[in-house]
Amino acid sequence: MVRLKDRYLLVHIIYTDVPAGQAKDSVPDLLLYNQPTTGELKPQHLLKGIRSEVASLFGDCGSGAIDRSLQVKYLSPATSTFILRVSRDHHRLAWAALSFMDRVPVRNGRPCVFRVVRVSGTIRKVEEEAIRRAKLLVLSAKQEMSGKSSDALGALLRGKDQGRSLTTAADQDDDSEMEDVDASRD
């Protein structure tokens, strides 16, 4: 018997607009972009939006490929996070469709970005990552409110390597390459 293999995508909704009633000075940047999703968003709305985006990008062939296995396993409006199950062979189609979606798929949906945070073969690892990111969000927001952290949004967007900046990693690679060149000259 052949087992059907799936991929689980952990997707975070990042809002790109600031509601009219909120001032940028009173609320940290981290909380402006990581706002709760409206209660109107249901798994059926997400599926309908993803399917329509796949159809517009990849036509009937793409729609037929993901139609069998596409399923929202978990949706949290409080953290603007959801877990999407799709077949292993076609998970990149769903990922591409999420990348091109620019609004929450409800009536009068707000502008947003669907960011795929993690792709895994098991739902357990995706759930663990969702919990880790929710804890990191709370801790980063507390630090930013107390004035201890100035780059909380960057720390959340970088993921697991939150302590390392991208420029530091690039500088370390350049230094090791220079040492290799110096060693070959001697």
N, C-alpha and C. Protein backbone atom coordinates (compact mmCIF):
# COMPACT_ATOMS: atom_id res chain seq x y z
N MET A 1 0.84 -1.18 0.00
CA MET A 1 0.00 0.00 0.00
C MET A 1 0.89 1.25 0.00
N VAL A 2 0.55 2.20 -0.79
CA VAL A 2 1.32 3.44 -0.90
C VAL A 2 0.73 4.47 0.06
N ARG A 3 1.62 5.06 0.83
CA ARG A 3 1.19 6.10 1.77
C ARG A 3 1.23 7.45 1.08
N LEU A 4 0.22 8.25 1.29
CA LEU A 4 0.18 9.59 0.72
C LEU A 4 1.03 10.51 1.59
N LYS A 5 1.96 11.19 0.97
CA LYS A 5 2.88 12.05 1.71
C LYS A 5 2.45 13.50 1.54
N ASP A 6 2.43 14.20 2.65
CA ASP A 6 1.99 15.58 2.67
C ASP A 6 3.08 16.48 3.22
N ARG A 7 2.93 17.77 2.99
CA ARG A 7 3.76 18.79 3.60
C ARG A 7 2.83 19.72 4.36
N TYR A 8 3.34 20.21 5.47
CA TYR A 8 2.59 21.16 6.30
C TYR A 8 3.31 22.49 6.25
N LEU A 9 2.57 23.54 5.90
CA LEU A 9 3.12 24.88 5.80
C LEU A 9 2.60 25.72 6.96
N LEU A 10 3.51 26.28 7.72
CA LEU A 10 3.15 27.22 8.77
C LEU A 10 3.19 28.61 8.15
N VAL A 11 2.05 29.28 8.13
CA VAL A 11 1.93 30.57 7.45
C VAL A 11 1.53 31.63 8.47
N HIS A 12 2.22 32.76 8.40
CA HIS A 12 1.94 33.88 9.29
C HIS A 12 1.44 35.05 8.44
N ILE A 13 0.38 35.69 8.87
CA ILE A 13 -0.19 36.82 8.15
C ILE A 13 0.37 38.10 8.76
N ILE A 14 1.07 38.88 7.93
CA ILE A 14 1.66 40.15 8.37
C ILE A 14 0.89 41.27 7.69
N TYR A 15 0.33 42.17 8.49
CA TYR A 15 -0.48 43.25 7.94
C TYR A 15 0.41 44.42 7.56
N THR A 16 0.20 44.95 6.36
CA THR A 16 1.04 46.02 5.83
C THR A 16 0.44 47.40 6.02
N ASP A 17 -0.80 47.48 6.46
CA ASP A 17 -1.41 48.79 6.68
C ASP A 17 -1.57 49.03 8.18
N VAL A 18 -1.65 50.28 8.54
CA VAL A 18 -1.88 50.66 9.92
C VAL A 18 -3.31 51.18 10.01
N PRO A 19 -4.14 50.61 10.90
CA PRO A 19 -5.50 51.11 11.04
C PRO A 19 -5.52 52.60 11.39
N ALA A 20 -6.55 53.28 10.95
CA ALA A 20 -6.63 54.73 11.11
C ALA A 20 -6.61 55.17 12.57
N GLY A 21 -7.14 54.39 13.48
CA GLY A 21 -7.24 54.79 14.87
C GLY A 21 -5.96 54.61 15.66
N GLN A 22 -4.95 53.93 15.10
CA GLN A 22 -3.73 53.67 15.86
C GLN A 22 -2.62 54.61 15.43
N ALA A 23 -1.98 55.20 16.40
CA ALA A 23 -0.83 56.05 16.12
C ALA A 23 0.43 55.20 16.16
N LYS A 24 1.37 55.50 15.29
CA LYS A 24 2.60 54.71 15.23
C LYS A 24 3.47 54.92 16.47
N ASP A 25 3.33 56.06 17.14
CA ASP A 25 4.19 56.35 18.29
C ASP A 25 3.79 55.56 19.52
N SER A 26 2.51 55.29 19.71
CA SER A 26 2.05 54.66 20.94
C SER A 26 2.19 53.14 20.94
N VAL A 27 2.26 52.53 19.76
CA VAL A 27 2.31 51.08 19.66
C VAL A 27 3.63 50.68 19.00
N PRO A 28 4.32 49.68 19.54
CA PRO A 28 5.58 49.24 18.92
C PRO A 28 5.34 48.69 17.51
N ASP A 29 6.38 48.80 16.68
CA ASP A 29 6.29 48.31 15.30
C ASP A 29 5.93 46.83 15.25
N LEU A 30 6.47 46.08 16.18
CA LEU A 30 6.22 44.64 16.22
C LEU A 30 4.74 44.33 16.32
N LEU A 31 4.03 45.10 17.11
CA LEU A 31 2.60 44.86 17.30
C LEU A 31 1.76 45.46 16.17
N LEU A 32 2.29 46.46 15.48
CA LEU A 32 1.54 47.04 14.36
C LEU A 32 1.38 46.03 13.22
N TYR A 33 2.43 45.26 12.95
CA TYR A 33 2.41 44.34 11.83
C TYR A 33 1.90 42.95 12.20
N ASN A 34 1.92 42.60 13.48
CA ASN A 34 1.45 41.29 13.93
C ASN A 34 0.14 41.43 14.68
N GLN A 35 -0.86 41.94 14.01
CA GLN A 35 -2.15 42.16 14.64
C GLN A 35 -3.03 40.92 14.49
N PRO A 36 -4.00 40.78 15.37
CA PRO A 36 -4.95 39.66 15.22
C PRO A 36 -5.75 39.80 13.94
N THR A 37 -6.11 38.65 13.39
CA THR A 37 -6.92 38.62 12.18
C THR A 37 -8.39 38.74 12.55
N THR A 38 -9.16 39.25 11.66
CA THR A 38 -10.59 39.41 11.89
C THR A 38 -11.26 38.06 12.14
N GLY A 39 -12.30 38.06 12.94
CA GLY A 39 -13.03 36.83 13.24
C GLY A 39 -13.80 36.29 12.05
N GLU A 40 -13.95 37.11 11.01
CA GLU A 40 -14.66 36.67 9.81
C GLU A 40 -13.87 35.64 9.00
N LEU A 41 -12.56 35.59 9.21
CA LEU A 41 -11.72 34.67 8.44
C LEU A 41 -11.92 33.25 8.95
N LYS A 42 -12.39 32.40 8.07
CA LYS A 42 -12.63 30.99 8.37
C LYS A 42 -11.75 30.14 7.46
N PRO A 43 -11.50 28.88 7.83
CA PRO A 43 -10.70 28.02 6.95
C PRO A 43 -11.24 27.92 5.53
N GLN A 44 -12.57 27.94 5.38
CA GLN A 44 -13.16 27.85 4.06
C GLN A 44 -12.79 29.07 3.21
N HIS A 45 -12.72 30.26 3.83
CA HIS A 45 -12.34 31.46 3.09
C HIS A 45 -10.88 31.37 2.64
N LEU A 46 -10.02 30.87 3.52
CA LEU A 46 -8.61 30.70 3.15
C LEU A 46 -8.46 29.74 1.97
N LEU A 47 -9.13 28.59 2.07
CA LEU A 47 -9.04 27.60 0.99
C LEU A 47 -9.55 28.17 -0.33
N LYS A 48 -10.66 28.89 -0.28
CA LYS A 48 -11.22 29.48 -1.50
C LYS A 48 -10.24 30.50 -2.10
N GLY A 49 -9.62 31.32 -1.26
CA GLY A 49 -8.65 32.30 -1.74
C GLY A 49 -7.41 31.65 -2.33
N ILE A 50 -6.89 30.61 -1.68
CA ILE A 50 -5.71 29.91 -2.19
C ILE A 50 -6.02 29.21 -3.50
N ARG A 51 -7.17 28.55 -3.55
CA ARG A 51 -7.56 27.85 -4.78
C ARG A 51 -7.74 28.82 -5.96
N SER A 52 -8.34 29.96 -5.70
CA SER A 52 -8.52 30.93 -6.79
C SER A 52 -7.18 31.51 -7.24
N GLU A 53 -6.26 31.70 -6.32
CA GLU A 53 -4.94 32.22 -6.68
C GLU A 53 -4.15 31.18 -7.47
N VAL A 54 -4.24 29.91 -7.07
CA VAL A 54 -3.58 28.84 -7.82
C VAL A 54 -4.17 28.75 -9.22
N ALA A 55 -5.49 28.88 -9.33
CA ALA A 55 -6.13 28.82 -10.64
C ALA A 55 -5.67 29.98 -11.53
N SER A 56 -5.52 31.16 -10.95
CA SER A 56 -5.10 32.30 -11.78
C SER A 56 -3.62 32.20 -12.16
N LEU A 57 -2.80 31.59 -11.31
CA LEU A 57 -1.37 31.45 -11.62
C LEU A 57 -1.06 30.25 -12.51
N PHE A 58 -1.66 29.09 -12.20
CA PHE A 58 -1.28 27.84 -12.84
C PHE A 58 -2.40 27.19 -13.66
N GLY A 59 -3.57 27.80 -13.70
CA GLY A 59 -4.66 27.30 -14.53
C GLY A 59 -5.30 26.04 -13.96
N ASP A 60 -5.98 25.32 -14.83
CA ASP A 60 -6.70 24.11 -14.42
C ASP A 60 -5.75 23.01 -13.94
N CYS A 61 -4.58 22.93 -14.54
CA CYS A 61 -3.61 21.91 -14.15
C CYS A 61 -3.18 22.10 -12.70
N GLY A 62 -2.87 23.33 -12.31
CA GLY A 62 -2.49 23.60 -10.93
C GLY A 62 -3.64 23.40 -9.97
N SER A 63 -4.84 23.80 -10.37
CA SER A 63 -6.01 23.63 -9.52
C SER A 63 -6.29 22.16 -9.25
N GLY A 64 -6.18 21.36 -10.30
CA GLY A 64 -6.42 19.93 -10.13
C GLY A 64 -5.35 19.25 -9.30
N ALA A 65 -4.12 19.75 -9.38
CA ALA A 65 -3.02 19.14 -8.64
C ALA A 65 -3.17 19.32 -7.13
N ILE A 66 -3.59 20.50 -6.69
CA ILE A 66 -3.66 20.73 -5.25
C ILE A 66 -5.05 20.50 -4.65
N ASP A 67 -6.04 20.28 -5.50
CA ASP A 67 -7.42 20.21 -5.02
C ASP A 67 -7.66 19.08 -4.02
N ARG A 68 -7.06 17.93 -4.24
CA ARG A 68 -7.30 16.77 -3.38
C ARG A 68 -6.77 16.96 -1.97
N SER A 69 -5.58 17.55 -1.85
CA SER A 69 -4.91 17.52 -0.56
C SER A 69 -4.92 18.83 0.21
N LEU A 70 -5.40 19.89 -0.36
CA LEU A 70 -5.36 21.19 0.30
C LEU A 70 -6.33 21.23 1.46
N GLN A 71 -5.82 21.52 2.65
CA GLN A 71 -6.65 21.55 3.85
C GLN A 71 -6.02 22.47 4.89
N VAL A 72 -6.83 23.27 5.55
CA VAL A 72 -6.36 24.09 6.66
C VAL A 72 -6.53 23.26 7.93
N LYS A 73 -5.42 22.91 8.56
CA LYS A 73 -5.45 22.07 9.76
C LYS A 73 -5.64 22.90 11.02
N TYR A 74 -5.17 24.15 11.01
CA TYR A 74 -5.23 24.98 12.21
C TYR A 74 -5.29 26.43 11.77
N LEU A 75 -6.14 27.21 12.43
CA LEU A 75 -6.24 28.65 12.16
C LEU A 75 -6.38 29.38 13.48
N SER A 76 -5.49 30.30 13.74
CA SER A 76 -5.55 31.10 14.97
C SER A 76 -5.68 32.57 14.60
N PRO A 77 -6.87 33.13 14.73
CA PRO A 77 -7.02 34.56 14.45
C PRO A 77 -6.25 35.44 15.43
N ALA A 78 -6.03 34.96 16.65
CA ALA A 78 -5.33 35.76 17.65
C ALA A 78 -3.87 36.00 17.26
N THR A 79 -3.22 34.98 16.71
CA THR A 79 -1.81 35.12 16.33
C THR A 79 -1.63 35.30 14.83
N SER A 80 -2.71 35.34 14.06
CA SER A 80 -2.66 35.46 12.60
C SER A 80 -1.78 34.38 11.98
N THR A 81 -1.99 33.16 12.43
CA THR A 81 -1.19 32.02 11.97
C THR A 81 -2.12 30.90 11.56
N PHE A 82 -1.72 30.15 10.51
CA PHE A 82 -2.46 28.95 10.15
C PHE A 82 -1.52 27.90 9.61
N ILE A 83 -1.95 26.65 9.71
CA ILE A 83 -1.20 25.51 9.20
C ILE A 83 -1.98 24.94 8.03
N LEU A 84 -1.30 24.81 6.92
CA LEU A 84 -1.90 24.35 5.68
C LEU A 84 -1.30 23.00 5.30
N ARG A 85 -2.14 22.02 4.99
CA ARG A 85 -1.66 20.72 4.53
C ARG A 85 -1.86 20.63 3.03
N VAL A 86 -0.82 20.18 2.33
CA VAL A 86 -0.88 20.02 0.88
C VAL A 86 0.04 18.86 0.51
N SER A 87 -0.22 18.22 -0.61
CA SER A 87 0.60 17.07 -1.00
C SER A 87 2.05 17.48 -1.22
N ARG A 88 2.95 16.53 -0.96
CA ARG A 88 4.37 16.82 -1.05
C ARG A 88 4.78 17.25 -2.45
N ASP A 89 4.19 16.66 -3.45
CA ASP A 89 4.57 16.96 -4.83
C ASP A 89 4.17 18.36 -5.26
N HIS A 90 3.15 18.93 -4.62
CA HIS A 90 2.59 20.19 -5.10
C HIS A 90 2.62 21.30 -4.06
N HIS A 91 3.42 21.16 -3.02
CA HIS A 91 3.41 22.19 -1.98
C HIS A 91 3.97 23.52 -2.48
N ARG A 92 4.82 23.48 -3.49
CA ARG A 92 5.36 24.73 -4.03
C ARG A 92 4.30 25.55 -4.78
N LEU A 93 3.31 24.89 -5.32
CA LEU A 93 2.22 25.63 -5.97
C LEU A 93 1.44 26.44 -4.93
N ALA A 94 1.14 25.80 -3.80
CA ALA A 94 0.42 26.50 -2.74
C ALA A 94 1.27 27.63 -2.17
N TRP A 95 2.57 27.39 -2.02
CA TRP A 95 3.48 28.41 -1.50
C TRP A 95 3.51 29.61 -2.45
N ALA A 96 3.60 29.35 -3.75
CA ALA A 96 3.60 30.44 -4.73
C ALA A 96 2.30 31.22 -4.68
N ALA A 97 1.19 30.52 -4.55
CA ALA A 97 -0.11 31.20 -4.48
C ALA A 97 -0.18 32.09 -3.24
N LEU A 98 0.34 31.60 -2.11
CA LEU A 98 0.35 32.41 -0.89
C LEU A 98 1.22 33.64 -1.06
N SER A 99 2.32 33.49 -1.78
CA SER A 99 3.22 34.63 -1.99
C SER A 99 2.58 35.73 -2.83
N PHE A 100 1.67 35.34 -3.72
CA PHE A 100 1.02 36.33 -4.58
C PHE A 100 -0.28 36.89 -4.00
N MET A 101 -0.78 36.30 -2.93
CA MET A 101 -2.00 36.84 -2.31
C MET A 101 -1.63 38.13 -1.57
N ASP A 102 -2.44 39.17 -1.73
CA ASP A 102 -2.12 40.45 -1.12
C ASP A 102 -3.20 40.98 -0.19
N ARG A 103 -4.26 40.22 0.00
CA ARG A 103 -5.33 40.63 0.91
C ARG A 103 -5.88 39.41 1.64
N VAL A 104 -6.44 39.66 2.81
CA VAL A 104 -7.11 38.59 3.53
C VAL A 104 -8.36 38.23 2.73
N PRO A 105 -8.58 36.93 2.46
CA PRO A 105 -9.69 36.55 1.57
C PRO A 105 -11.07 36.60 2.23
N VAL A 106 -11.46 37.77 2.70
CA VAL A 106 -12.82 38.02 3.20
C VAL A 106 -13.30 39.31 2.54
N ARG A 107 -14.56 39.60 2.71
CA ARG A 107 -15.11 40.83 2.15
C ARG A 107 -14.41 42.02 2.81
N ASN A 108 -13.96 42.96 1.98
CA ASN A 108 -13.21 44.14 2.43
C ASN A 108 -11.98 43.74 3.25
N GLY A 109 -11.25 42.74 2.78
CA GLY A 109 -10.07 42.25 3.47
C GLY A 109 -8.94 43.26 3.48
N ARG A 110 -8.20 43.28 4.57
CA ARG A 110 -7.09 44.22 4.72
C ARG A 110 -5.88 43.76 3.90
N PRO A 111 -5.06 44.70 3.46
CA PRO A 111 -3.83 44.34 2.75
C PRO A 111 -2.88 43.61 3.70
N CYS A 112 -2.26 42.55 3.20
CA CYS A 112 -1.37 41.76 4.05
C CYS A 112 -0.38 40.99 3.20
N VAL A 113 0.55 40.36 3.88
CA VAL A 113 1.52 39.48 3.26
C VAL A 113 1.40 38.13 3.94
N PHE A 114 1.29 37.06 3.15
CA PHE A 114 1.26 35.71 3.70
C PHE A 114 2.69 35.19 3.67
N ARG A 115 3.28 35.03 4.84
CA ARG A 115 4.68 34.60 4.93
C ARG A 115 4.74 33.15 5.38
N VAL A 116 5.32 32.29 4.54
CA VAL A 116 5.50 30.88 4.90
C VAL A 116 6.72 30.82 5.80
N VAL A 117 6.49 30.45 7.05
CA VAL A 117 7.55 30.45 8.06
C VAL A 117 8.29 29.13 8.09
N ARG A 118 7.56 28.02 7.91
CA ARG A 118 8.19 26.70 8.00
C ARG A 118 7.43 25.72 7.13
N VAL A 119 8.17 24.81 6.52
CA VAL A 119 7.60 23.70 5.76
C VAL A 119 8.16 22.43 6.38
N SER A 120 7.27 21.49 6.69
CA SER A 120 7.71 20.25 7.33
C SER A 120 6.86 19.09 6.85
N GLY A 121 7.41 17.89 7.04
CA GLY A 121 6.69 16.68 6.68
C GLY A 121 5.77 16.20 7.78
N THR A 122 5.93 16.74 8.99
CA THR A 122 5.07 16.35 10.11
C THR A 122 4.41 17.58 10.70
N ILE A 123 3.20 17.40 11.16
CA ILE A 123 2.49 18.53 11.77
C ILE A 123 3.07 18.87 13.14
N ARG A 124 3.69 17.90 13.79
CA ARG A 124 4.26 18.14 15.11
C ARG A 124 5.34 19.22 15.08
N LYS A 125 6.24 19.14 14.12
CA LYS A 125 7.32 20.12 14.02
C LYS A 125 6.78 21.51 13.68
N VAL A 126 5.75 21.57 12.88
CA VAL A 126 5.15 22.85 12.54
C VAL A 126 4.46 23.45 13.76
N GLU A 127 3.79 22.62 14.54
CA GLU A 127 3.14 23.11 15.77
C GLU A 127 4.18 23.63 16.76
N GLU A 128 5.30 22.92 16.89
CA GLU A 128 6.36 23.36 17.79
C GLU A 128 6.91 24.71 17.36
N GLU A 129 7.09 24.90 16.06
CA GLU A 129 7.57 26.18 15.54
C GLU A 129 6.55 27.29 15.78
N ALA A 130 5.27 26.99 15.64
CA ALA A 130 4.23 27.99 15.89
C ALA A 130 4.24 28.42 17.35
N ILE A 131 4.41 27.48 18.26
CA ILE A 131 4.47 27.80 19.68
C ILE A 131 5.72 28.63 19.98
N ARG A 132 6.86 28.23 19.40
CA ARG A 132 8.11 28.96 19.63
C ARG A 132 7.99 30.40 19.13
N ARG A 133 7.39 30.59 17.97
CA ARG A 133 7.25 31.94 17.41
C ARG A 133 6.27 32.79 18.23
N ALA A 134 5.21 32.18 18.75
CA ALA A 134 4.26 32.93 19.58
C ALA A 134 4.94 33.40 20.87
N LYS A 135 5.74 32.53 21.47
CA LYS A 135 6.48 32.92 22.68
C LYS A 135 7.48 34.03 22.37
N LEU A 136 8.18 33.90 21.25
CA LEU A 136 9.15 34.92 20.85
C LEU A 136 8.47 36.26 20.59
N LEU A 137 7.30 36.23 20.01
CA LEU A 137 6.55 37.46 19.76
C LEU A 137 6.19 38.17 21.06
N VAL A 138 5.72 37.40 22.03
CA VAL A 138 5.34 37.99 23.32
C VAL A 138 6.57 38.57 24.03
N LEU A 139 7.66 37.82 24.06
CA LEU A 139 8.88 38.30 24.72
C LEU A 139 9.45 39.53 24.02
N SER A 140 9.45 39.53 22.70
CA SER A 140 9.97 40.67 21.95
C SER A 140 9.12 41.91 22.16
N ALA A 141 7.81 41.73 22.22
CA ALA A 141 6.92 42.87 22.45
C ALA A 141 7.13 43.45 23.85
N LYS A 142 7.32 42.57 24.85
CA LYS A 142 7.59 43.05 26.21
C LYS A 142 8.91 43.81 26.28
N GLN A 143 9.93 43.30 25.59
CA GLN A 143 11.23 43.98 25.60
C GLN A 143 11.15 45.32 24.88
N GLU A 144 10.43 45.37 23.79
CA GLU A 144 10.32 46.63 23.06
C GLU A 144 9.53 47.66 23.86
N MET A 145 8.50 47.21 24.57
CA MET A 145 7.71 48.14 25.39
C MET A 145 8.54 48.70 26.55
N SER A 146 9.44 47.88 27.11
CA SER A 146 10.26 48.34 28.22
C SER A 146 11.47 49.13 27.74
N GLY A 147 11.72 49.13 26.43
CA GLY A 147 12.81 49.91 25.88
C GLY A 147 14.13 49.17 25.83
N LYS A 148 14.14 47.88 26.11
CA LYS A 148 15.39 47.11 26.11
C LYS A 148 15.83 46.71 24.71
N SER A 149 14.89 46.51 23.82
CA SER A 149 15.23 46.03 22.48
C SER A 149 14.79 47.05 21.44
N SER A 150 15.68 47.32 20.50
CA SER A 150 15.33 48.27 19.45
C SER A 150 14.98 47.58 18.14
N ASP A 151 15.33 46.31 18.00
CA ASP A 151 15.10 45.59 16.75
C ASP A 151 14.29 44.33 16.99
N ALA A 152 13.15 44.46 17.66
CA ALA A 152 12.33 43.29 17.96
C ALA A 152 11.69 42.72 16.70
N LEU A 153 11.29 43.59 15.78
CA LEU A 153 10.69 43.11 14.53
C LEU A 153 11.71 42.34 13.71
N GLY A 154 12.93 42.82 13.66
CA GLY A 154 13.99 42.12 12.94
C GLY A 154 14.30 40.78 13.57
N ALA A 155 14.27 40.72 14.89
CA ALA A 155 14.54 39.45 15.58
C ALA A 155 13.47 38.42 15.26
N LEU A 156 12.24 38.84 15.16
CA LEU A 156 11.15 37.91 14.84
C LEU A 156 11.22 37.45 13.40
N LEU A 157 11.57 38.36 12.49
CA LEU A 157 11.62 38.00 11.08
C LEU A 157 12.82 37.12 10.74
N ARG A 158 13.88 37.21 11.53
CA ARG A 158 15.05 36.37 11.27
C ARG A 158 14.83 34.94 11.67
N GLY A 159 13.92 34.68 12.61
CA GLY A 159 13.61 33.29 12.98
C GLY A 159 14.52 32.77 14.06
N LYS A 160 15.05 31.54 13.89
CA LYS A 160 15.81 30.86 14.93
C LYS A 160 17.11 31.57 15.26
N ASP A 161 17.80 32.12 14.27
CA ASP A 161 19.07 32.78 14.50
C ASP A 161 18.84 34.23 14.86
N GLN A 162 18.03 34.49 15.87
CA GLN A 162 17.65 35.86 16.18
C GLN A 162 18.81 36.67 16.73
N GLY A 163 19.79 36.04 17.31
CA GLY A 163 20.91 36.77 17.87
C GLY A 163 21.92 37.20 16.83
N ARG A 164 21.96 36.54 15.69
CA ARG A 164 22.92 36.86 14.64
C ARG A 164 22.28 37.75 13.59
N SER A 165 22.97 38.79 13.23
CA SER A 165 22.46 39.61 12.14
C SER A 165 22.99 39.06 10.83
N LEU A 166 22.33 39.41 9.75
CA LEU A 166 22.74 38.90 8.45
C LEU A 166 24.09 39.45 8.03
N THR A 167 24.39 40.69 8.40
CA THR A 167 25.68 41.26 8.02
C THR A 167 26.81 40.58 8.78
N THR A 168 26.57 40.20 10.02
CA THR A 168 27.60 39.52 10.79
C THR A 168 27.93 38.18 10.16
N ALA A 169 26.93 37.44 9.72
CA ALA A 169 27.18 36.15 9.09
C ALA A 169 27.94 36.34 7.79
N ALA A 170 27.61 37.36 7.01
CA ALA A 170 28.32 37.60 5.77
C ALA A 170 29.76 38.02 6.03
N ASP A 171 29.96 38.85 7.06
CA ASP A 171 31.31 39.27 7.40
C ASP A 171 32.17 38.09 7.83
N GLN A 172 31.59 37.16 8.59
CA GLN A 172 32.34 35.99 9.03
C GLN A 172 32.72 35.13 7.84
N ASP A 173 31.86 34.99 6.85
CA ASP A 173 32.18 34.21 5.66
C ASP A 173 33.32 34.87 4.89
N ASP A 174 33.29 36.22 4.78
CA ASP A 174 34.35 36.93 4.07
C ASP A 174 35.68 36.77 4.79
N ASP A 175 35.67 36.81 6.13
CA ASP A 175 36.89 36.66 6.91
C ASP A 175 37.49 35.27 6.71
N SER A 176 36.66 34.23 6.71
CA SER A 176 37.17 32.88 6.53
C SER A 176 37.72 32.68 5.12
N GLU A 177 37.12 33.33 4.11
CA GLU A 177 37.64 33.25 2.76
C GLU A 177 38.98 33.94 2.64
N MET A 178 39.13 35.08 3.32
CA MET A 178 40.39 35.79 3.31
C MET A 178 41.49 34.98 3.98
N GLU A 179 41.18 34.27 5.07
CA GLU A 179 42.17 33.43 5.74
C GLU A 179 42.60 32.29 4.82
N ASP A 180 41.67 31.72 4.05
CA ASP A 180 42.00 30.66 3.11
C ASP A 180 42.94 31.16 2.01
N VAL A 181 42.70 32.38 1.53
CA VAL A 181 43.54 32.96 0.51
C VAL A 181 44.94 33.24 1.06
N ASP A 182 45.01 33.77 2.28
CA ASP A 182 46.30 34.04 2.91
C ASP A 182 47.07 32.75 3.15
N ALA A 183 46.41 31.69 3.53
CA ALA A 183 47.06 30.41 3.80
C ALA A 183 47.60 29.80 2.51
N SER A 184 46.89 30.00 1.39
CA SER A 184 47.36 29.44 0.12
C SER A 184 48.56 30.20 -0.41
N ARG A 185 48.72 31.48 -0.05
CA ARG A 185 49.86 32.28 -0.50
C ARG A 185 51.13 31.88 0.24
N ASP A 186 51.02 31.43 1.49
CA ASP A 186 52.20 31.09 2.30
C ASP A 186 52.74 29.79 1.90
